[in-house]
Amino acid sequence: MRRAAIHGPLGAALRNARRRTGLSLRDAADGTGISYSTLSRVENGLLPMPSLEAVLAVARNVGLDEQEALRLAGRLAPPGAAELVSSGFKRVLSGGRLSPAAAGALRQVHLRELASEFSAGLGAGRPVDVLLAARHAGLVLVASTGQELGFTGDGMSYRVPAAAGSSYAAQRVWSAHGVAHKLIADDTGAAPQCRPQEGALAEEREADYVASRILVPASLLAAEFRQEPLPVQGSLPAFITALERVAARFRVPADWAAARLAEDRIGELSR
């Protein structure tokens, strides 16, 4: 009996790219370290690509964008990915000379997995209940009518803007930001800290990144566009309408919705 295809997206993209360039399976597999028969099974969704090196090598041969190939493979795709799969990676790592780009790539993957594991325990509801998220993180959210925001002295409570002083979406962002700080701190064994007036700090950017993936989980975002695909060749108004729909359904500001769409590369605005 023929096995069901379960590794389809990358394989289909490689096959389409190979056919566009007119290459045979043997040509596409040449110099990649995998056989043409293995590549055939990858193209048909019967096998995952055996390594990151193979993903990049085949993508180069068939003319598929390397970052797109990595994304479809469910592998590392931010800047630094090429270095992480290079032949000298082990030597560089053992020598303590990992570049900032590669270190940033690894850190982003870690934070993404941290957010995904946490979001999995919040149920399938849309939008995410931030009070429930805070409870899961062992954090108490406290509405603040003053200027003082962030963690209280014990690190177990987090002050967010009171309803009268900010929008509902902004409150959700603040709350998720606090939850993200707590998750990151627990992960590292440090006391949670938040310096909201210093948004350029790496710690604040990381908390925003994790918070965005808590409020707009990747699985729910993908499900959203399986039901109603994001226009990839439509007009600007159509794209903006889709963006507003995401912001409304997940109850996040439009810029957060845009950032999540861009990161997951669900669609591109055609100019």
C-alpha atoms as a PDB file:
ATOM      1  CA  MET A   1       0.000   0.000   0.000  1.00  0.00           C
ATOM      2  CA  ARG A   2       1.283   3.467  -0.887  1.00  0.00           C
ATOM      3  CA  ARG A   3       2.178   5.558   2.164  1.00  0.00           C
ATOM      4  CA  ALA A   4       0.216   8.753   2.672  1.00  0.00           C
ATOM      5  CA  ALA A   5       2.050  11.978   1.939  1.00  0.00           C
ATOM      6  CA  ILE A   6       2.750  13.795   5.212  1.00  0.00           C
ATOM      7  CA  HIS A   7       5.724  16.022   4.359  1.00  0.00           C
ATOM      8  CA  GLY A   8       4.135  17.872   1.462  1.00  0.00           C
ATOM      9  CA  PRO A   9       4.848  21.641   1.451  1.00  0.00           C
ATOM     10  CA  LEU A  10       8.612  21.536   0.914  1.00  0.00           C
ATOM     11  CA  GLY A  11       8.447  18.625  -1.514  1.00  0.00           C
ATOM     12  CA  ALA A  12       5.816  20.293  -3.671  1.00  0.00           C
ATOM     13  CA  ALA A  13       7.786  23.550  -3.770  1.00  0.00           C
ATOM     14  CA  LEU A  14      10.997  21.744  -4.751  1.00  0.00           C
ATOM     15  CA  ARG A  15       9.200  19.774  -7.461  1.00  0.00           C
ATOM     16  CA  ASN A  16       7.592  22.905  -8.917  1.00  0.00           C
ATOM     17  CA  ALA A  17      10.908  24.780  -8.884  1.00  0.00           C
ATOM     18  CA  ARG A  18      12.727  21.832 -10.466  1.00  0.00           C
ATOM     19  CA  ARG A  19      10.181  21.564 -13.243  1.00  0.00           C
ATOM     20  CA  ARG A  20      10.363  25.309 -13.905  1.00  0.00           C
ATOM     21  CA  THR A  21      14.116  25.013 -14.410  1.00  0.00           C
ATOM     22  CA  GLY A  22      13.763  21.873 -16.530  1.00  0.00           C
ATOM     23  CA  LEU A  23      16.023  19.746 -14.307  1.00  0.00           C
ATOM     24  CA  SER A  24      15.724  16.005 -13.869  1.00  0.00           C
ATOM     25  CA  LEU A  25      15.697  14.426 -10.408  1.00  0.00           C
ATOM     26  CA  ARG A  26      19.302  13.312 -10.963  1.00  0.00           C
ATOM     27  CA  ASP A  27      20.359  16.854 -11.883  1.00  0.00           C
ATOM     28  CA  ALA A  28      18.570  18.365  -8.878  1.00  0.00           C
ATOM     29  CA  ALA A  29      20.158  15.871  -6.491  1.00  0.00           C
ATOM     30  CA  ASP A  30      23.648  16.219  -7.945  1.00  0.00           C
ATOM     31  CA  GLY A  31      26.172  17.338  -5.329  1.00  0.00           C
ATOM     32  CA  THR A  32      23.591  17.572  -2.540  1.00  0.00           C
ATOM     33  CA  GLY A  33      24.556  14.453  -0.613  1.00  0.00           C
ATOM     34  CA  ILE A  34      21.220  12.726  -1.208  1.00  0.00           C
ATOM     35  CA  SER A  35      20.194  10.346  -3.983  1.00  0.00           C
ATOM     36  CA  TYR A  36      17.695  11.179  -6.709  1.00  0.00           C
ATOM     37  CA  SER A  37      15.395   8.460  -5.331  1.00  0.00           C
ATOM     38  CA  THR A  38      15.413  10.123  -1.901  1.00  0.00           C
ATOM     39  CA  LEU A  39      14.665  13.465  -3.532  1.00  0.00           C
ATOM     40  CA  SER A  40      11.778  11.868  -5.401  1.00  0.00           C
ATOM     41  CA  ARG A  41      10.282  10.670  -2.123  1.00  0.00           C
ATOM     42  CA  VAL A  42      10.780  14.113  -0.596  1.00  0.00           C
ATOM     43  CA  GLU A  43       9.013  15.715  -3.557  1.00  0.00           C
ATOM     44  CA  ASN A  44       6.092  13.332  -3.139  1.00  0.00           C
ATOM     45  CA  GLY A  45       5.788  14.077   0.563  1.00  0.00           C
ATOM     46  CA  LEU A  46       6.850  10.603   1.675  1.00  0.00           C
ATOM     47  CA  LEU A  47      10.057  11.664   3.436  1.00  0.00           C
ATOM     48  CA  PRO A  48      11.303  14.784   5.184  1.00  0.00           C
ATOM     49  CA  MET A  49      14.538  16.234   3.886  1.00  0.00           C
ATOM     50  CA  PRO A  50      17.291  14.397   5.815  1.00  0.00           C
ATOM     51  CA  SER A  51      19.303  17.478   6.811  1.00  0.00           C
ATOM     52  CA  LEU A  52      19.477  21.244   6.691  1.00  0.00           C
ATOM     53  CA  GLU A  53      22.469  20.971   4.364  1.00  0.00           C
ATOM     54  CA  ALA A  54      20.358  18.964   1.931  1.00  0.00           C
ATOM     55  CA  VAL A  55      17.499  21.486   2.101  1.00  0.00           C
ATOM     56  CA  LEU A  56      19.842  24.318   1.144  1.00  0.00           C
ATOM     57  CA  ALA A  57      21.754  22.345  -1.490  1.00  0.00           C
ATOM     58  CA  VAL A  58      18.655  21.159  -3.356  1.00  0.00           C
ATOM     59  CA  ALA A  59      17.062  24.605  -3.116  1.00  0.00           C
ATOM     60  CA  ARG A  60      20.154  26.135  -4.728  1.00  0.00           C
ATOM     61  CA  ASN A  61      20.138  23.543  -7.503  1.00  0.00           C
ATOM     62  CA  VAL A  62      16.492  24.096  -8.437  1.00  0.00           C
ATOM     63  CA  GLY A  63      16.456  27.856  -7.902  1.00  0.00           C
ATOM     64  CA  LEU A  64      14.147  27.926  -4.866  1.00  0.00           C
ATOM     65  CA  ASP A  65      14.803  30.711  -2.363  1.00  0.00           C
ATOM     66  CA  GLU A  66      16.795  29.183   0.499  1.00  0.00           C
ATOM     67  CA  GLN A  67      14.884  30.972   3.245  1.00  0.00           C
ATOM     68  CA  GLU A  68      11.587  29.864   1.741  1.00  0.00           C
ATOM     69  CA  ALA A  69      12.856  26.275   1.542  1.00  0.00           C
ATOM     70  CA  LEU A  70      13.897  26.361   5.195  1.00  0.00           C
ATOM     71  CA  ARG A  71      10.536  27.778   6.205  1.00  0.00           C
ATOM     72  CA  LEU A  72       8.640  25.087   4.303  1.00  0.00           C
ATOM     73  CA  ALA A  73      10.840  22.443   5.884  1.00  0.00           C
ATOM     74  CA  GLY A  74       9.912  23.775   9.319  1.00  0.00           C
ATOM     75  CA  ARG A  75      13.550  24.578   9.908  1.00  0.00           C
ATOM     76  CA  LEU A  76      15.533  27.602  10.988  1.00  0.00           C
ATOM     77  CA  ALA A  77      14.939  30.520   8.645  1.00  0.00           C
ATOM     78  CA  PRO A  78      16.100  33.821  10.207  1.00  0.00           C
ATOM     79  CA  PRO A  79      19.454  35.506   9.447  1.00  0.00           C
ATOM     80  CA  GLY A  80      22.285  33.274  10.555  1.00  0.00           C
ATOM     81  CA  ALA A  81      20.693  30.051   9.282  1.00  0.00           C
ATOM     82  CA  ALA A  82      23.272  29.543   6.553  1.00  0.00           C
ATOM     83  CA  GLU A  83      26.099  29.801   9.064  1.00  0.00           C
ATOM     84  CA  LEU A  84      24.418  27.339  11.412  1.00  0.00           C
ATOM     85  CA  VAL A  85      24.374  24.644   8.736  1.00  0.00           C
ATOM     86  CA  SER A  86      27.796  25.367   7.287  1.00  0.00           C
ATOM     87  CA  SER A  87      30.516  22.735   7.254  1.00  0.00           C
ATOM     88  CA  GLY A  88      32.536  24.724   9.762  1.00  0.00           C
ATOM     89  CA  PHE A  89      29.750  25.159  12.303  1.00  0.00           C
ATOM     90  CA  LYS A  90      31.015  22.581  14.790  1.00  0.00           C
ATOM     91  CA  ARG A  91      34.490  24.021  14.667  1.00  0.00           C
ATOM     92  CA  VAL A  92      33.195  27.567  15.118  1.00  0.00           C
ATOM     93  CA  LEU A  93      30.918  26.536  17.990  1.00  0.00           C
ATOM     94  CA  SER A  94      33.608  24.607  19.817  1.00  0.00           C
ATOM     95  CA  GLY A  95      35.923  27.586  19.488  1.00  0.00           C
ATOM     96  CA  GLY A  96      33.386  29.945  21.010  1.00  0.00           C
ATOM     97  CA  ARG A  97      33.237  32.106  17.901  1.00  0.00           C
ATOM     98  CA  LEU A  98      29.531  31.929  17.068  1.00  0.00           C
ATOM     99  CA  SER A  99      28.588  35.109  15.219  1.00  0.00           C
ATOM    100  CA  PRO A 100      25.928  37.508  16.505  1.00  0.00           C
ATOM    101  CA  ALA A 101      23.676  36.614  13.554  1.00  0.00           C
ATOM    102  CA  ALA A 102      23.866  32.893  14.263  1.00  0.00           C
ATOM    103  CA  ALA A 103      23.456  33.386  18.006  1.00  0.00           C
ATOM    104  CA  GLY A 104      20.414  35.550  17.315  1.00  0.00           C
ATOM    105  CA  ALA A 105      18.978  32.876  15.047  1.00  0.00           C
ATOM    106  CA  LEU A 106      19.325  30.234  17.754  1.00  0.00           C
ATOM    107  CA  ARG A 107      17.823  32.544  20.360  1.00  0.00           C
ATOM    108  CA  GLN A 108      14.819  33.301  18.164  1.00  0.00           C
ATOM    109  CA  VAL A 109      14.137  29.620  17.631  1.00  0.00           C
ATOM    110  CA  HIS A 110      14.343  29.052  21.390  1.00  0.00           C
ATOM    111  CA  LEU A 111      11.907  31.870  22.121  1.00  0.00           C
ATOM    112  CA  ARG A 112       9.533  30.662  19.430  1.00  0.00           C
ATOM    113  CA  GLU A 113       9.468  27.191  20.939  1.00  0.00           C
ATOM    114  CA  LEU A 114       9.033  28.634  24.432  1.00  0.00           C
ATOM    115  CA  ALA A 115       5.956  30.576  23.278  1.00  0.00           C
ATOM    116  CA  SER A 116       4.554  27.615  21.326  1.00  0.00           C
ATOM    117  CA  GLU A 117       4.831  25.210  24.244  1.00  0.00           C
ATOM    118  CA  PHE A 118       3.147  27.727  26.528  1.00  0.00           C
ATOM    119  CA  SER A 119       0.337  28.574  24.083  1.00  0.00           C
ATOM    120  CA  ALA A 120      -0.461  24.892  23.610  1.00  0.00           C
ATOM    121  CA  GLY A 121      -1.837  24.803  27.156  1.00  0.00           C
ATOM    122  CA  LEU A 122      -4.257  27.679  26.590  1.00  0.00           C
ATOM    123  CA  GLY A 123      -6.828  25.717  24.609  1.00  0.00           C
ATOM    124  CA  ALA A 124      -8.098  26.335  21.105  1.00  0.00           C
ATOM    125  CA  GLY A 125     -10.129  29.447  21.867  1.00  0.00           C
ATOM    126  CA  ARG A 126      -9.720  32.577  19.771  1.00  0.00           C
ATOM    127  CA  PRO A 127      -8.694  35.088  20.935  1.00  0.00           C
ATOM    128  CA  VAL A 128      -6.364  33.916  23.698  1.00  0.00           C
ATOM    129  CA  ASP A 129      -7.626  34.681  27.196  1.00  0.00           C
ATOM    130  CA  VAL A 130      -4.799  36.760  28.675  1.00  0.00           C
ATOM    131  CA  LEU A 131      -6.058  36.297  32.245  1.00  0.00           C
ATOM    132  CA  LEU A 132      -5.866  32.549  31.749  1.00  0.00           C
ATOM    133  CA  ALA A 133      -2.421  32.948  30.193  1.00  0.00           C
ATOM    134  CA  ALA A 134      -1.267  34.944  33.218  1.00  0.00           C
ATOM    135  CA  ARG A 135      -2.560  32.276  35.603  1.00  0.00           C
ATOM    136  CA  HIS A 136      -0.729  29.593  33.643  1.00  0.00           C
ATOM    137  CA  ALA A 137       2.451  31.634  33.974  1.00  0.00           C
ATOM    138  CA  GLY A 138       1.929  32.119  37.724  1.00  0.00           C
ATOM    139  CA  LEU A 139       1.367  35.842  37.309  1.00  0.00           C
ATOM    140  CA  VAL A 140      -1.313  38.178  38.674  1.00  0.00           C
ATOM    141  CA  LEU A 141      -2.379  41.064  36.430  1.00  0.00           C
ATOM    142  CA  VAL A 142      -3.161  44.300  38.271  1.00  0.00           C
ATOM    143  CA  ALA A 143      -4.877  47.296  36.632  1.00  0.00           C
ATOM    144  CA  SER A 144      -2.906  50.469  37.310  1.00  0.00           C
ATOM    145  CA  THR A 145      -4.408  53.954  37.091  1.00  0.00           C
ATOM    146  CA  GLY A 146      -1.033  55.613  37.646  1.00  0.00           C
ATOM    147  CA  GLN A 147       2.123  55.912  35.579  1.00  0.00           C
ATOM    148  CA  GLU A 148       3.876  52.987  37.238  1.00  0.00           C
ATOM    149  CA  LEU A 149       3.672  49.884  35.069  1.00  0.00           C
ATOM    150  CA  GLY A 150       5.476  46.558  35.035  1.00  0.00           C
ATOM    151  CA  PHE A 151       6.321  44.095  37.789  1.00  0.00           C
ATOM    152  CA  THR A 152       5.752  44.677  41.475  1.00  0.00           C
ATOM    153  CA  GLY A 153       8.622  44.130  43.889  1.00  0.00           C
ATOM    154  CA  ASP A 154       7.976  40.405  44.383  1.00  0.00           C
ATOM    155  CA  GLY A 155       7.827  39.728  40.646  1.00  0.00           C
ATOM    156  CA  MET A 156       4.537  37.837  41.015  1.00  0.00           C
ATOM    157  CA  SER A 157       2.222  40.676  39.916  1.00  0.00           C
ATOM    158  CA  TYR A 158       2.306  42.789  36.778  1.00  0.00           C
ATOM    159  CA  ARG A 159       0.719  46.222  36.488  1.00  0.00           C
ATOM    160  CA  VAL A 160      -1.098  46.975  33.218  1.00  0.00           C
ATOM    161  CA  PRO A 161      -2.894  50.172  32.148  1.00  0.00           C
ATOM    162  CA  ALA A 162      -6.420  50.531  33.501  1.00  0.00           C
ATOM    163  CA  ALA A 163      -9.275  50.226  30.995  1.00  0.00           C
ATOM    164  CA  ALA A 164     -10.054  53.944  31.013  1.00  0.00           C
ATOM    165  CA  GLY A 165      -6.532  54.799  29.957  1.00  0.00           C
ATOM    166  CA  SER A 166      -5.933  52.425  27.043  1.00  0.00           C
ATOM    167  CA  SER A 167      -7.684  50.377  24.392  1.00  0.00           C
ATOM    168  CA  TYR A 168      -8.688  46.768  24.931  1.00  0.00           C
ATOM    169  CA  ALA A 169      -6.128  45.599  22.358  1.00  0.00           C
ATOM    170  CA  ALA A 170      -3.408  47.630  24.059  1.00  0.00           C
ATOM    171  CA  GLN A 171      -4.303  46.069  27.410  1.00  0.00           C
ATOM    172  CA  ARG A 172      -3.983  42.622  25.887  1.00  0.00           C
ATOM    173  CA  VAL A 173      -0.557  43.534  24.498  1.00  0.00           C
ATOM    174  CA  TRP A 174       0.589  44.843  27.874  1.00  0.00           C
ATOM    175  CA  SER A 175      -0.684  41.743  29.641  1.00  0.00           C
ATOM    176  CA  ALA A 176       0.949  39.353  27.164  1.00  0.00           C
ATOM    177  CA  HIS A 177       4.172  41.353  27.414  1.00  0.00           C
ATOM    178  CA  GLY A 178       4.233  40.730  31.169  1.00  0.00           C
ATOM    179  CA  VAL A 179       3.480  37.044  30.704  1.00  0.00           C
ATOM    180  CA  ALA A 180       6.311  36.824  28.175  1.00  0.00           C
ATOM    181  CA  HIS A 181       8.773  38.422  30.589  1.00  0.00           C
ATOM    182  CA  LYS A 182       7.707  35.909  33.261  1.00  0.00           C
ATOM    183  CA  LEU A 183       8.170  32.954  30.883  1.00  0.00           C
ATOM    184  CA  ILE A 184      11.606  34.133  29.782  1.00  0.00           C
ATOM    185  CA  ALA A 185      12.679  34.787  33.368  1.00  0.00           C
ATOM    186  CA  ASP A 186      11.463  31.368  34.528  1.00  0.00           C
ATOM    187  CA  ASP A 187      13.296  29.788  31.609  1.00  0.00           C
ATOM    188  CA  THR A 188      16.573  31.389  32.624  1.00  0.00           C
ATOM    189  CA  GLY A 189      16.057  31.212  36.395  1.00  0.00           C
ATOM    190  CA  ALA A 190      16.190  34.995  36.773  1.00  0.00           C
ATOM    191  CA  ALA A 191      13.797  37.395  38.472  1.00  0.00           C
ATOM    192  CA  PRO A 192      11.350  38.927  35.973  1.00  0.00           C
ATOM    193  CA  GLN A 193      12.015  42.543  35.030  1.00  0.00           C
ATOM    194  CA  CYS A 194      10.301  44.916  32.661  1.00  0.00           C
ATOM    195  CA  ARG A 195      11.487  48.366  31.606  1.00  0.00           C
ATOM    196  CA  PRO A 196       8.620  49.566  29.394  1.00  0.00           C
ATOM    197  CA  GLN A 197      10.167  52.986  28.777  1.00  0.00           C
ATOM    198  CA  GLU A 198      13.235  51.355  27.214  1.00  0.00           C
ATOM    199  CA  GLY A 199      11.685  49.518  24.301  1.00  0.00           C
ATOM    200  CA  ALA A 200      14.976  49.371  22.402  1.00  0.00           C
ATOM    201  CA  LEU A 201      16.452  46.971  24.949  1.00  0.00           C
ATOM    202  CA  ALA A 202      16.928  43.409  23.699  1.00  0.00           C
ATOM    203  CA  GLU A 203      14.961  42.105  26.702  1.00  0.00           C
ATOM    204  CA  GLU A 204      11.943  44.233  25.768  1.00  0.00           C
ATOM    205  CA  ARG A 205      12.111  43.206  22.110  1.00  0.00           C
ATOM    206  CA  GLU A 206      12.278  39.551  23.128  1.00  0.00           C
ATOM    207  CA  ALA A 207       9.255  39.949  25.385  1.00  0.00           C
ATOM    208  CA  ASP A 208       7.318  41.584  22.539  1.00  0.00           C
ATOM    209  CA  TYR A 209       8.282  38.718  20.233  1.00  0.00           C
ATOM    210  CA  VAL A 210       7.132  36.032  22.668  1.00  0.00           C
ATOM    211  CA  ALA A 211       3.977  38.002  23.506  1.00  0.00           C
ATOM    212  CA  SER A 212       3.046  38.283  19.829  1.00  0.00           C
ATOM    213  CA  ARG A 213       3.260  34.509  19.453  1.00  0.00           C
ATOM    214  CA  ILE A 214       1.175  33.989  22.601  1.00  0.00           C
ATOM    215  CA  LEU A 215      -1.601  36.284  21.373  1.00  0.00           C
ATOM    216  CA  VAL A 216      -1.415  35.057  17.771  1.00  0.00           C
ATOM    217  CA  PRO A 217      -0.290  31.411  17.939  1.00  0.00           C
ATOM    218  CA  ALA A 218       1.183  30.044  14.720  1.00  0.00           C
ATOM    219  CA  SER A 219      -1.246  27.111  14.605  1.00  0.00           C
ATOM    220  CA  LEU A 220      -4.323  29.342  14.877  1.00  0.00           C
ATOM    221  CA  LEU A 221      -2.941  31.820  12.368  1.00  0.00           C
ATOM    222  CA  ALA A 222      -2.362  29.024   9.866  1.00  0.00           C
ATOM    223  CA  ALA A 223      -5.858  27.661  10.492  1.00  0.00           C
ATOM    224  CA  GLU A 224      -7.295  31.123   9.930  1.00  0.00           C
ATOM    225  CA  PHE A 225      -5.835  31.316   6.448  1.00  0.00           C
ATOM    226  CA  ARG A 226      -6.665  27.772   5.514  1.00  0.00           C
ATOM    227  CA  GLN A 227     -10.315  28.813   5.866  1.00  0.00           C
ATOM    228  CA  GLU A 228      -9.914  32.191   4.162  1.00  0.00           C
ATOM    229  CA  PRO A 229      -6.555  32.618   2.409  1.00  0.00           C
ATOM    230  CA  LEU A 230      -4.714  35.897   2.566  1.00  0.00           C
ATOM    231  CA  PRO A 231      -4.679  37.560  -0.881  1.00  0.00           C
ATOM    232  CA  VAL A 232      -1.257  37.248  -2.486  1.00  0.00           C
ATOM    233  CA  GLN A 233      -1.972  39.019  -5.750  1.00  0.00           C
ATOM    234  CA  GLY A 234      -4.848  41.248  -4.729  1.00  0.00           C
ATOM    235  CA  SER A 235      -5.093  44.975  -4.316  1.00  0.00           C
ATOM    236  CA  LEU A 236      -3.829  46.996  -1.389  1.00  0.00           C
ATOM    237  CA  PRO A 237      -7.386  47.479  -0.028  1.00  0.00           C
ATOM    238  CA  ALA A 238      -7.925  43.696  -0.084  1.00  0.00           C
ATOM    239  CA  PHE A 239      -4.724  43.130   1.834  1.00  0.00           C
ATOM    240  CA  ILE A 240      -5.601  45.811   4.385  1.00  0.00           C
ATOM    241  CA  THR A 241      -9.038  44.240   4.840  1.00  0.00           C
ATOM    242  CA  ALA A 242      -7.432  40.865   5.536  1.00  0.00           C
ATOM    243  CA  LEU A 243      -5.002  42.478   7.954  1.00  0.00           C
ATOM    244  CA  GLU A 244      -7.849  44.175   9.821  1.00  0.00           C
ATOM    245  CA  ARG A 245      -9.646  40.843   9.999  1.00  0.00           C
ATOM    246  CA  VAL A 246      -6.648  39.236  11.694  1.00  0.00           C
ATOM    247  CA  ALA A 247      -6.310  42.137  14.120  1.00  0.00           C
ATOM    248  CA  ALA A 248     -10.011  41.954  14.994  1.00  0.00           C
ATOM    249  CA  ARG A 249     -10.220  38.183  15.404  1.00  0.00           C
ATOM    250  CA  PHE A 250      -7.124  37.920  17.561  1.00  0.00           C
ATOM    251  CA  ARG A 251      -7.806  41.267  19.245  1.00  0.00           C
ATOM    252  CA  VAL A 252      -4.362  42.716  18.714  1.00  0.00           C
ATOM    253  CA  PRO A 253      -3.233  46.059  17.265  1.00  0.00           C
ATOM    254  CA  ALA A 254      -2.857  46.187  13.501  1.00  0.00           C
ATOM    255  CA  ASP A 255       0.938  46.493  13.675  1.00  0.00           C
ATOM    256  CA  TRP A 256       1.147  43.272  15.716  1.00  0.00           C
ATOM    257  CA  ALA A 257      -1.064  41.482  13.206  1.00  0.00           C
ATOM    258  CA  ALA A 258       1.136  42.744  10.377  1.00  0.00           C
ATOM    259  CA  ALA A 259       4.305  41.600  12.134  1.00  0.00           C
ATOM    260  CA  ARG A 260       2.932  38.095  12.684  1.00  0.00           C
ATOM    261  CA  LEU A 261       1.782  37.803   9.079  1.00  0.00           C
ATOM    262  CA  ALA A 262       5.157  38.967   7.825  1.00  0.00           C
ATOM    263  CA  GLU A 263       7.056  36.574  10.091  1.00  0.00           C
ATOM    264  CA  ASP A 264       5.044  33.522   9.113  1.00  0.00           C
ATOM    265  CA  ARG A 265       5.173  34.591   5.455  1.00  0.00           C
ATOM    266  CA  ILE A 266       1.621  33.469   4.861  1.00  0.00           C
ATOM    267  CA  GLY A 267       1.338  35.865   1.941  1.00  0.00           C
ATOM    268  CA  GLU A 268       3.083  38.774   0.278  1.00  0.00           C
ATOM    269  CA  LEU A 269       1.583  42.017  -0.879  1.00  0.00           C
ATOM    270  CA  SER A 270       1.793  42.214  -4.670  1.00  0.00           C
ATOM    271  CA  ARG A 271       2.875  45.628  -5.846  1.00  0.00           C
END
